[in-house]
Amino acid sequence: MSELQRIAEELDAADPLAGVRGSFVLDDVTYLDGNSLGALPAHVPARVEDVVRRQWGELRIRSWEESGWWTAPERIGDRIAPLVGAAAGQVVVGDSTSVNVFKALVAAVRMAQEDGRSGAGAGRVRDEILVDATTFPTDGYIAESAARMTGCALRPVAPAEVPGALGDRTAAVLLNHVDYRTGRLHDLPGLTAAVHAAGAYAVWDLCHSAGALPVGLDEHGVDLAVGCTYKYLNGGPGSPAYLYVRRDLQPRFDSPLPGWNSHAEPFGMRSDYAPASGALRGRVGTPDILSLLALEAALDVWDEDGVSVAAVRAKSLALTDFFLRCVEAYVPDGRVESVTPAAHAERGSQVALRCSPTLGSARAGGAPTAGEVMKRLIERGVVGDYRAPDVLRFGFTPLYVGFADVERAARVLARTLAG
């Protein structure tokens, strides 16, 4: 047993979250792709079977009331709220992340433009949207469409440069809390404060942070936020996303998708639209009940195992620190380089390694590309993922990833790079 293997065993033995691993369906594979799709919580299949066989199969339409289907979006939103630092009544679950980005961004611009017509911001033309220049592509696509719809110009800006790019014309800013490619954690408190100082609205994408680290939406005065639930929240493939609308903004939230589920009287079947009060304004159409209730079951892990976000964050940093240490010890010099910040305050819950045939000693001879390296890692039982052109991503979900997993992944990576 190597020194790092011994250390891994000691860290696992002292890990206060080690027992949570048994709440998931796992095997001998070292699974480091929870930042794309979380593992299956063990109790979810039985819960979904009940939804299908009893609630749908026996109760049928009665389940909208008797099984709580109708209120599921806001009920499950309240389950997610403490994981993102929000009080109840501000999060609603439904639709995809892309749809929720569209709702949030258009609503933010509409509020900013309303400010320009009245109140403290009167006289200012708010006709510009800033978008994270390093954003996940769908956010950029949605932002471009939202800009066209609202008559705004769209300006891509690196998150660190946002304070200097803000101005009197800025209506809204769309940012990612954690960069999907590099794992860099952006300064949510500081950037939100800068956006507010400019009189604009902040929309945050929490896909790669919720369930992995503290967010503090209420504490930092975030206006609107969205996120998926199939990564660190382990809700299952395609599980519905969520939308956060800060309580004081809810009366002004003007959704560009005013569906019947967000109507004040959804069964009144009125031809004119009257929005519901509260976060329910973020609903659109009929909820995806099967995936929604699978998500609800998955969230039980946090309650039943008594997991705190602070404990998850502490383990996340320990896991990523140990992985970087193991990579440095095992992988030949110059073969990979981390593009994830070393500073804890700037790191999410993943490590991204640049792996290029042109790096270091690999220059001379037919070294595999990053995509080929990841394929070989997966064949050897270490599952991460790859982002073009040359990044290997390893996601660390503290609820079920242990330190032995981390050590093994680095060891197998070194062996794979050695051919």
Protein backbone atom coordinates (compact mmCIF):
# COMPACT_ATOMS: atom_id res chain seq x y z
CA MET A 1 0.00 0.00 0.00
CA SER A 2 1.37 3.39 -0.99
CA GLU A 3 1.56 6.35 1.36
CA LEU A 4 -1.29 8.11 -0.46
CA GLN A 5 -3.46 5.00 -0.27
CA ARG A 6 -2.85 4.85 3.48
CA ILE A 7 -3.76 8.53 3.83
CA ALA A 8 -6.94 7.96 1.80
CA GLU A 9 -7.98 5.17 4.15
CA GLU A 10 -7.42 7.39 7.18
CA LEU A 11 -9.39 10.26 5.64
CA ASP A 12 -12.29 7.96 4.78
CA ALA A 13 -12.31 6.55 8.31
CA ALA A 14 -12.55 10.07 9.76
CA ASP A 15 -15.11 11.36 7.22
CA PRO A 16 -18.36 12.44 8.94
CA LEU A 17 -20.24 12.02 5.65
CA ALA A 18 -18.91 8.52 4.90
CA GLY A 19 -22.16 6.88 5.98
CA VAL A 20 -24.19 8.80 3.40
CA ARG A 21 -22.53 6.77 0.63
CA GLY A 22 -24.74 3.82 1.55
CA SER A 23 -27.80 5.85 0.54
CA PHE A 24 -26.79 5.60 -3.14
CA VAL A 25 -26.68 2.85 -5.76
CA LEU A 26 -22.98 2.46 -6.51
CA ASP A 27 -20.60 -0.23 -7.75
CA ASP A 28 -16.86 -0.72 -8.18
CA VAL A 29 -16.62 2.14 -10.69
CA THR A 30 -15.01 5.33 -9.44
CA TYR A 31 -17.74 7.78 -10.40
CA LEU A 32 -16.49 11.36 -10.77
CA ASP A 33 -19.16 12.68 -13.11
CA GLY A 34 -21.75 13.81 -10.59
CA ASN A 35 -21.31 17.33 -11.92
CA SER A 36 -23.12 16.05 -15.03
CA LEU A 37 -25.44 13.39 -13.61
CA GLY A 38 -25.69 12.49 -9.96
CA ALA A 39 -25.87 8.90 -8.74
CA LEU A 40 -29.18 7.22 -7.96
CA PRO A 41 -30.35 7.45 -4.33
CA ALA A 42 -31.20 3.90 -3.29
CA HIS A 43 -34.75 4.57 -2.13
CA VAL A 44 -35.89 6.42 -5.27
CA PRO A 45 -36.93 3.35 -7.37
CA ALA A 46 -39.45 2.19 -4.75
CA ARG A 47 -40.86 5.69 -4.43
CA VAL A 48 -41.22 6.05 -8.19
CA GLU A 49 -42.89 2.63 -8.35
CA ASP A 50 -45.45 3.86 -5.83
CA VAL A 51 -46.06 6.98 -7.92
CA VAL A 52 -46.59 4.88 -11.04
CA ARG A 53 -48.50 1.89 -9.65
CA ARG A 54 -50.59 3.42 -6.87
CA GLN A 55 -50.83 7.17 -7.42
CA TRP A 56 -51.20 6.96 -11.18
CA GLY A 57 -52.37 3.36 -11.62
CA GLU A 58 -54.98 3.27 -8.85
CA LEU A 59 -55.84 6.82 -7.79
CA ARG A 60 -55.42 8.22 -11.28
CA ILE A 61 -56.72 11.80 -11.52
CA ARG A 62 -57.51 11.86 -7.80
CA SER A 63 -53.77 12.08 -7.17
CA TRP A 64 -53.70 15.73 -8.20
CA GLU A 65 -55.25 16.42 -4.81
CA GLU A 66 -54.91 13.25 -2.74
CA SER A 67 -51.23 12.66 -3.58
CA GLY A 68 -50.29 16.34 -3.64
CA TRP A 69 -49.38 16.48 -7.31
CA TRP A 70 -50.77 19.97 -7.84
CA THR A 71 -48.70 21.58 -5.10
CA ALA A 72 -45.51 19.64 -5.83
CA PRO A 73 -43.65 22.46 -7.66
CA GLU A 74 -43.74 24.82 -4.70
CA ARG A 75 -43.49 22.07 -2.06
CA ILE A 76 -40.31 20.70 -3.63
CA GLY A 77 -39.10 24.25 -4.16
CA ASP A 78 -39.25 24.72 -0.41
CA ARG A 79 -37.12 21.56 -0.03
CA ILE A 80 -34.46 23.03 -2.34
CA ALA A 81 -34.59 26.51 -0.80
CA PRO A 82 -32.34 25.84 2.23
CA LEU A 83 -29.75 24.20 -0.03
CA VAL A 84 -29.34 27.50 -1.88
CA GLY A 85 -29.73 29.76 1.15
CA ALA A 86 -33.32 30.86 0.60
CA ALA A 87 -36.33 31.09 2.88
CA ALA A 88 -39.49 29.21 1.93
CA GLY A 89 -41.89 30.61 -0.63
CA GLN A 90 -39.28 31.80 -3.14
CA VAL A 91 -38.40 28.70 -5.17
CA VAL A 92 -40.63 26.87 -7.61
CA VAL A 93 -39.64 23.69 -9.48
CA GLY A 94 -40.53 22.95 -13.08
CA ASP A 95 -39.40 23.20 -16.70
CA SER A 96 -35.76 22.99 -17.81
CA THR A 97 -32.87 25.23 -16.86
CA SER A 98 -33.01 26.84 -20.30
CA VAL A 99 -36.69 27.72 -19.94
CA ASN A 100 -36.11 29.13 -16.47
CA VAL A 101 -33.16 31.22 -17.67
CA PHE A 102 -35.46 32.70 -20.30
CA LYS A 103 -38.20 33.47 -17.78
CA ALA A 104 -35.78 35.01 -15.29
CA LEU A 105 -33.79 37.09 -17.76
CA VAL A 106 -36.78 38.56 -19.58
CA ALA A 107 -38.49 39.31 -16.26
CA ALA A 108 -35.30 41.02 -15.02
CA VAL A 109 -35.13 43.23 -18.12
CA ARG A 110 -38.81 44.12 -17.83
CA MET A 111 -38.33 45.21 -14.21
CA ALA A 112 -35.28 47.30 -15.16
CA GLN A 113 -37.15 48.95 -18.01
CA GLU A 114 -40.09 49.62 -15.71
CA ASP A 115 -37.64 51.29 -13.30
CA GLY A 116 -36.54 53.49 -16.17
CA ARG A 117 -40.08 54.71 -16.69
CA SER A 118 -40.83 55.50 -13.06
CA GLY A 119 -39.37 55.61 -9.57
CA ALA A 120 -35.76 56.22 -8.59
CA GLY A 121 -34.40 55.13 -11.96
CA ALA A 122 -36.75 57.25 -14.05
CA GLY A 123 -35.31 58.61 -17.27
CA ARG A 124 -32.71 55.92 -17.76
CA VAL A 125 -32.96 53.71 -20.82
CA ARG A 126 -32.05 50.18 -19.77
CA ASP A 127 -31.37 48.42 -23.06
CA GLU A 128 -28.32 46.25 -22.48
CA ILE A 129 -27.85 42.73 -21.12
CA LEU A 130 -24.47 41.51 -19.92
CA VAL A 131 -23.87 37.77 -20.15
CA ASP A 132 -21.04 35.67 -18.79
CA ALA A 133 -18.65 35.31 -21.74
CA THR A 134 -17.57 31.88 -20.47
CA THR A 135 -21.12 30.65 -19.92
CA PHE A 136 -22.53 27.23 -20.69
CA PRO A 137 -23.72 27.60 -24.31
CA THR A 138 -27.47 27.36 -23.66
CA ASP A 139 -27.36 30.42 -21.39
CA GLY A 140 -25.77 32.39 -24.19
CA TYR A 141 -28.36 31.21 -26.71
CA ILE A 142 -31.21 32.11 -24.39
CA ALA A 143 -29.66 35.48 -23.56
CA GLU A 144 -29.39 36.34 -27.25
CA SER A 145 -33.05 35.50 -27.79
CA ALA A 146 -34.11 37.43 -24.68
CA ALA A 147 -32.16 40.45 -25.89
CA ARG A 148 -33.92 40.41 -29.25
CA MET A 149 -37.30 40.01 -27.57
CA THR A 150 -36.77 42.95 -25.20
CA GLY A 151 -34.99 45.28 -27.61
CA CYS A 152 -31.66 45.03 -25.80
CA ALA A 153 -28.09 44.76 -26.95
CA LEU A 154 -26.24 41.70 -25.66
CA ARG A 155 -22.67 42.07 -24.43
CA PRO A 156 -20.56 39.05 -23.39
CA VAL A 157 -18.24 39.94 -20.51
CA ALA A 158 -15.90 37.82 -18.38
CA PRO A 159 -17.30 37.69 -14.83
CA ALA A 160 -14.27 39.42 -13.31
CA GLU A 161 -14.76 42.31 -15.73
CA VAL A 162 -18.46 42.83 -15.00
CA PRO A 163 -18.03 45.67 -12.46
CA GLY A 164 -16.15 47.76 -15.00
CA ALA A 165 -18.64 46.96 -17.77
CA LEU A 166 -21.79 48.00 -15.90
CA GLY A 167 -23.44 51.28 -16.77
CA ASP A 168 -26.64 53.30 -16.82
CA ARG A 169 -27.93 51.27 -19.75
CA THR A 170 -27.42 47.86 -18.11
CA ALA A 171 -30.73 46.14 -17.44
CA ALA A 172 -29.69 42.66 -16.34
CA VAL A 173 -26.63 40.50 -15.89
CA LEU A 174 -26.65 36.72 -16.37
CA LEU A 175 -23.79 34.92 -14.60
CA ASN A 176 -22.74 31.38 -13.71
CA HIS A 177 -21.85 30.74 -10.09
CA VAL A 178 -19.35 28.02 -11.08
CA ASP A 179 -17.77 27.83 -14.53
CA TYR A 180 -18.86 24.53 -16.07
CA ARG A 181 -15.55 23.96 -17.84
CA THR A 182 -12.88 25.07 -15.36
CA GLY A 183 -14.68 24.75 -12.03
CA ARG A 184 -13.90 28.38 -11.12
CA LEU A 185 -16.20 29.75 -8.42
CA HIS A 186 -17.22 33.32 -9.14
CA ASP A 187 -17.79 36.04 -6.54
CA LEU A 188 -21.58 35.95 -6.16
CA PRO A 189 -21.75 38.45 -3.26
CA GLY A 190 -19.40 40.98 -4.82
CA LEU A 191 -20.79 40.78 -8.34
CA THR A 192 -24.40 40.95 -7.12
CA ALA A 193 -23.56 44.09 -5.12
CA ALA A 194 -21.90 45.66 -8.17
CA VAL A 195 -24.93 44.89 -10.36
CA HIS A 196 -27.26 46.46 -7.79
CA ALA A 197 -25.06 49.54 -7.46
CA ALA A 198 -25.53 50.08 -11.19
CA GLY A 199 -29.31 49.82 -10.84
CA ALA A 200 -29.52 46.52 -12.72
CA TYR A 201 -30.78 43.04 -11.84
CA ALA A 202 -28.65 39.94 -11.22
CA VAL A 203 -29.63 36.52 -12.56
CA TRP A 204 -27.46 33.63 -11.36
CA ASP A 205 -27.16 30.13 -12.84
CA LEU A 206 -26.49 27.73 -9.95
CA CYS A 207 -26.29 24.47 -11.94
CA HIS A 208 -22.74 23.65 -10.84
CA SER A 209 -22.96 24.94 -7.27
CA ALA A 210 -26.31 24.02 -5.70
CA GLY A 211 -25.83 20.98 -3.50
CA ALA A 212 -22.04 21.31 -3.53
CA LEU A 213 -21.38 24.57 -1.70
CA PRO A 214 -23.15 27.41 0.13
CA VAL A 215 -24.91 29.89 -2.14
CA GLY A 216 -26.63 32.41 0.15
CA LEU A 217 -29.30 33.78 -2.19
CA ASP A 218 -31.19 35.64 0.54
CA GLU A 219 -28.08 36.72 2.41
CA HIS A 220 -26.57 38.35 -0.67
CA GLY A 221 -29.76 39.85 -2.09
CA VAL A 222 -29.75 37.91 -5.36
CA ASP A 223 -32.70 38.95 -7.52
CA LEU A 224 -33.35 35.82 -9.58
CA ALA A 225 -31.64 32.45 -9.86
CA VAL A 226 -32.06 29.19 -11.73
CA GLY A 227 -30.51 25.77 -11.56
CA CYS A 228 -30.82 22.15 -12.57
CA THR A 229 -31.43 19.30 -10.14
CA TYR A 230 -29.75 16.33 -11.80
CA LYS A 231 -26.16 17.15 -10.80
CA TYR A 232 -25.32 17.55 -7.11
CA LEU A 233 -29.00 17.24 -6.11
CA ASN A 234 -29.17 13.76 -7.73
CA GLY A 235 -32.71 14.18 -9.08
CA GLY A 236 -32.20 11.91 -12.09
CA PRO A 237 -31.68 12.44 -15.84
CA GLY A 238 -33.70 15.41 -17.06
CA SER A 239 -35.19 16.12 -13.64
CA PRO A 240 -36.92 19.53 -13.59
CA ALA A 241 -35.04 22.72 -12.86
CA TYR A 242 -35.97 25.43 -10.36
CA LEU A 243 -36.50 29.18 -10.35
CA TYR A 244 -35.81 31.52 -7.41
CA VAL A 245 -37.63 34.85 -7.27
CA ARG A 246 -36.69 37.06 -4.32
CA ARG A 247 -39.75 37.69 -2.17
CA ASP A 248 -39.93 41.48 -2.58
CA LEU A 249 -39.68 41.14 -6.37
CA GLN A 250 -42.46 38.58 -6.73
CA PRO A 251 -45.28 41.13 -7.23
CA ARG A 252 -43.27 42.60 -10.14
CA PHE A 253 -42.18 39.31 -11.71
CA ASP A 254 -43.62 39.46 -15.23
CA SER A 255 -43.05 36.08 -16.85
CA PRO A 256 -42.70 35.93 -20.64
CA LEU A 257 -44.39 32.50 -20.43
CA PRO A 258 -47.68 33.13 -18.62
CA GLY A 259 -49.09 29.61 -18.63
CA TRP A 260 -52.28 28.42 -17.02
CA ASN A 261 -50.42 26.94 -14.05
CA SER A 262 -49.28 30.40 -12.98
CA HIS A 263 -52.77 31.93 -13.26
CA ALA A 264 -54.41 33.21 -10.09
CA GLU A 265 -57.38 30.98 -10.96
CA PRO A 266 -55.94 28.14 -13.03
CA PHE A 267 -59.25 26.28 -13.22
CA GLY A 268 -61.28 29.41 -13.90
CA MET A 269 -60.38 28.99 -17.58
CA ARG A 270 -60.52 32.74 -18.12
CA SER A 271 -59.40 34.23 -21.40
CA ASP A 272 -57.50 37.05 -19.68
CA TYR A 273 -54.34 36.32 -17.68
CA ALA A 274 -54.06 37.26 -14.01
CA PRO A 275 -50.82 36.11 -12.38
CA ALA A 276 -50.83 34.14 -9.14
CA SER A 277 -49.13 35.65 -6.13
CA GLY A 278 -45.70 34.61 -4.90
CA ALA A 279 -43.21 32.29 -6.54
CA LEU A 280 -46.08 30.47 -8.26
CA ARG A 281 -45.76 33.13 -10.97
CA GLY A 282 -42.80 31.10 -12.18
CA ARG A 283 -44.95 28.10 -13.09
CA VAL A 284 -46.02 27.62 -16.70
CA GLY A 285 -47.72 24.38 -17.73
CA THR A 286 -48.63 21.02 -16.24
CA PRO A 287 -45.77 19.71 -14.05
CA ASP A 288 -43.72 16.67 -15.08
CA ILE A 289 -45.03 14.58 -12.21
CA LEU A 290 -42.93 11.42 -12.58
CA SER A 291 -39.58 13.19 -12.69
CA LEU A 292 -40.73 15.81 -10.20
CA LEU A 293 -41.60 13.22 -7.56
CA ALA A 294 -38.41 11.27 -8.23
CA LEU A 295 -36.57 14.48 -7.41
CA GLU A 296 -38.58 14.92 -4.24
CA ALA A 297 -37.55 11.43 -3.14
CA ALA A 298 -33.90 12.12 -3.97
CA LEU A 299 -33.90 15.17 -1.72
CA ASP A 300 -34.69 12.94 1.26
CA VAL A 301 -30.98 12.13 1.47
CA TRP A 302 -30.33 15.61 2.85
CA ASP A 303 -32.95 15.28 5.56
CA GLU A 304 -32.72 11.63 6.55
CA ASP A 305 -28.94 11.64 6.75
CA GLY A 306 -28.81 15.05 8.44
CA VAL A 307 -26.49 16.50 5.82
CA SER A 308 -25.55 20.18 5.98
CA VAL A 309 -24.29 22.24 3.06
CA ALA A 310 -21.38 23.40 5.22
CA ALA A 311 -20.25 19.80 5.80
CA VAL A 312 -20.56 19.07 2.09
CA ARG A 313 -18.44 22.10 1.24
CA ALA A 314 -15.74 21.14 3.74
CA LYS A 315 -15.48 17.65 2.27
CA SER A 316 -15.59 18.97 -1.29
CA LEU A 317 -12.53 21.13 -0.68
CA ALA A 318 -10.74 18.26 1.06
CA LEU A 319 -11.50 15.91 -1.85
CA THR A 320 -10.33 18.33 -4.53
CA ASP A 321 -7.20 19.22 -2.53
CA PHE A 322 -6.36 15.52 -2.15
CA PHE A 323 -6.99 14.82 -5.84
CA LEU A 324 -4.61 17.60 -6.87
CA ARG A 325 -2.04 16.23 -4.43
CA CYS A 326 -2.38 12.71 -5.88
CA VAL A 327 -2.18 13.97 -9.45
CA GLU A 328 1.01 15.86 -8.61
CA ALA A 329 2.49 12.73 -7.03
CA TYR A 330 1.47 10.21 -9.69
CA VAL A 331 1.27 11.98 -13.06
CA PRO A 332 4.54 12.75 -14.87
CA ASP A 333 5.55 16.40 -14.77
CA GLY A 334 4.07 18.52 -17.51
CA ARG A 335 1.59 15.92 -18.75
CA VAL A 336 -1.46 17.69 -17.34
CA GLU A 337 -2.08 21.07 -15.77
CA SER A 338 -4.97 22.17 -13.59
CA VAL A 339 -7.14 24.98 -14.93
CA THR A 340 -9.18 24.97 -11.72
CA PRO A 341 -8.12 27.68 -9.25
CA ALA A 342 -6.07 26.50 -6.29
CA ALA A 343 -7.64 29.04 -3.91
CA HIS A 344 -10.60 27.58 -2.02
CA ALA A 345 -12.60 30.78 -2.41
CA GLU A 346 -12.35 30.41 -6.20
CA ARG A 347 -13.00 26.67 -6.56
CA GLY A 348 -16.26 24.80 -7.07
CA SER A 349 -16.53 21.02 -6.59
CA GLN A 350 -14.68 19.84 -9.66
CA VAL A 351 -11.14 19.74 -10.96
CA ALA A 352 -10.46 20.38 -14.62
CA LEU A 353 -7.15 19.20 -16.03
CA ARG A 354 -5.83 20.42 -19.32
CA CYS A 355 -4.49 17.39 -21.15
CA SER A 356 -2.97 18.03 -24.53
CA PRO A 357 -0.54 16.08 -26.72
CA THR A 358 1.50 19.29 -26.92
CA LEU A 359 2.08 19.45 -23.15
CA GLY A 360 5.44 18.63 -21.61
CA SER A 361 7.14 15.37 -22.48
CA ALA A 362 4.21 14.33 -24.63
CA ARG A 363 5.38 16.60 -27.43
CA ALA A 364 7.53 13.96 -29.00
CA GLY A 365 5.34 11.14 -29.69
CA GLY A 366 1.78 10.35 -30.51
CA ALA A 367 0.25 11.06 -27.10
CA PRO A 368 -3.53 10.60 -26.90
CA THR A 369 -5.88 13.55 -26.97
CA ALA A 370 -7.92 14.48 -23.91
CA GLY A 371 -10.98 12.81 -25.41
CA GLU A 372 -9.04 9.59 -25.96
CA VAL A 373 -7.65 9.73 -22.43
CA MET A 374 -11.11 10.03 -20.92
CA LYS A 375 -12.39 7.16 -23.03
CA ARG A 376 -9.57 4.95 -21.72
CA LEU A 377 -10.19 6.09 -18.14
CA ILE A 378 -13.83 5.08 -18.42
CA GLU A 379 -12.81 1.69 -19.81
CA ARG A 380 -10.64 1.27 -16.71
CA GLY A 381 -13.45 2.13 -14.32
CA VAL A 382 -12.83 5.82 -13.66
CA VAL A 383 -15.71 7.90 -14.99
CA GLY A 384 -15.22 11.62 -15.55
CA ASP A 385 -15.95 13.59 -18.68
CA TYR A 386 -14.27 15.64 -21.39
CA ARG A 387 -14.78 19.16 -22.69
CA ALA A 388 -13.31 20.19 -26.02
CA PRO A 389 -10.66 20.77 -26.94
CA ASP A 390 -8.42 19.46 -24.15
CA VAL A 391 -10.05 19.42 -20.70
CA LEU A 392 -10.62 16.38 -18.48
CA ARG A 393 -13.33 17.15 -15.90
CA PHE A 394 -13.63 15.33 -12.59
CA GLY A 395 -16.63 16.15 -10.42
CA PHE A 396 -16.58 15.40 -6.69
CA THR A 397 -19.96 14.81 -5.07
CA PRO A 398 -19.18 14.65 -1.33
CA LEU A 399 -22.33 12.68 -0.54
CA TYR A 400 -20.92 9.53 -2.14
CA VAL A 401 -17.34 10.12 -3.31
CA GLY A 402 -14.61 9.03 -0.91
CA PHE A 403 -10.90 9.70 -0.62
CA ALA A 404 -10.03 6.20 -1.85
CA ASP A 405 -11.96 7.02 -5.02
CA VAL A 406 -9.86 10.15 -5.43
CA GLU A 407 -6.55 8.34 -4.97
CA ARG A 408 -7.56 5.57 -7.39
CA ALA A 409 -8.65 8.06 -10.04
CA ALA A 410 -5.30 9.86 -9.96
CA ARG A 411 -3.40 6.55 -10.03
CA VAL A 412 -5.37 5.24 -13.01
CA LEU A 413 -4.97 8.57 -14.79
CA ALA A 414 -1.19 8.34 -14.40
CA ARG A 415 -1.18 4.76 -15.71
CA THR A 416 -3.39 5.75 -18.65
CA LEU A 417 -1.14 8.64 -19.61
CA ALA A 418 1.86 6.33 -19.44
CA GLY A 419 0.24 4.22 -22.14
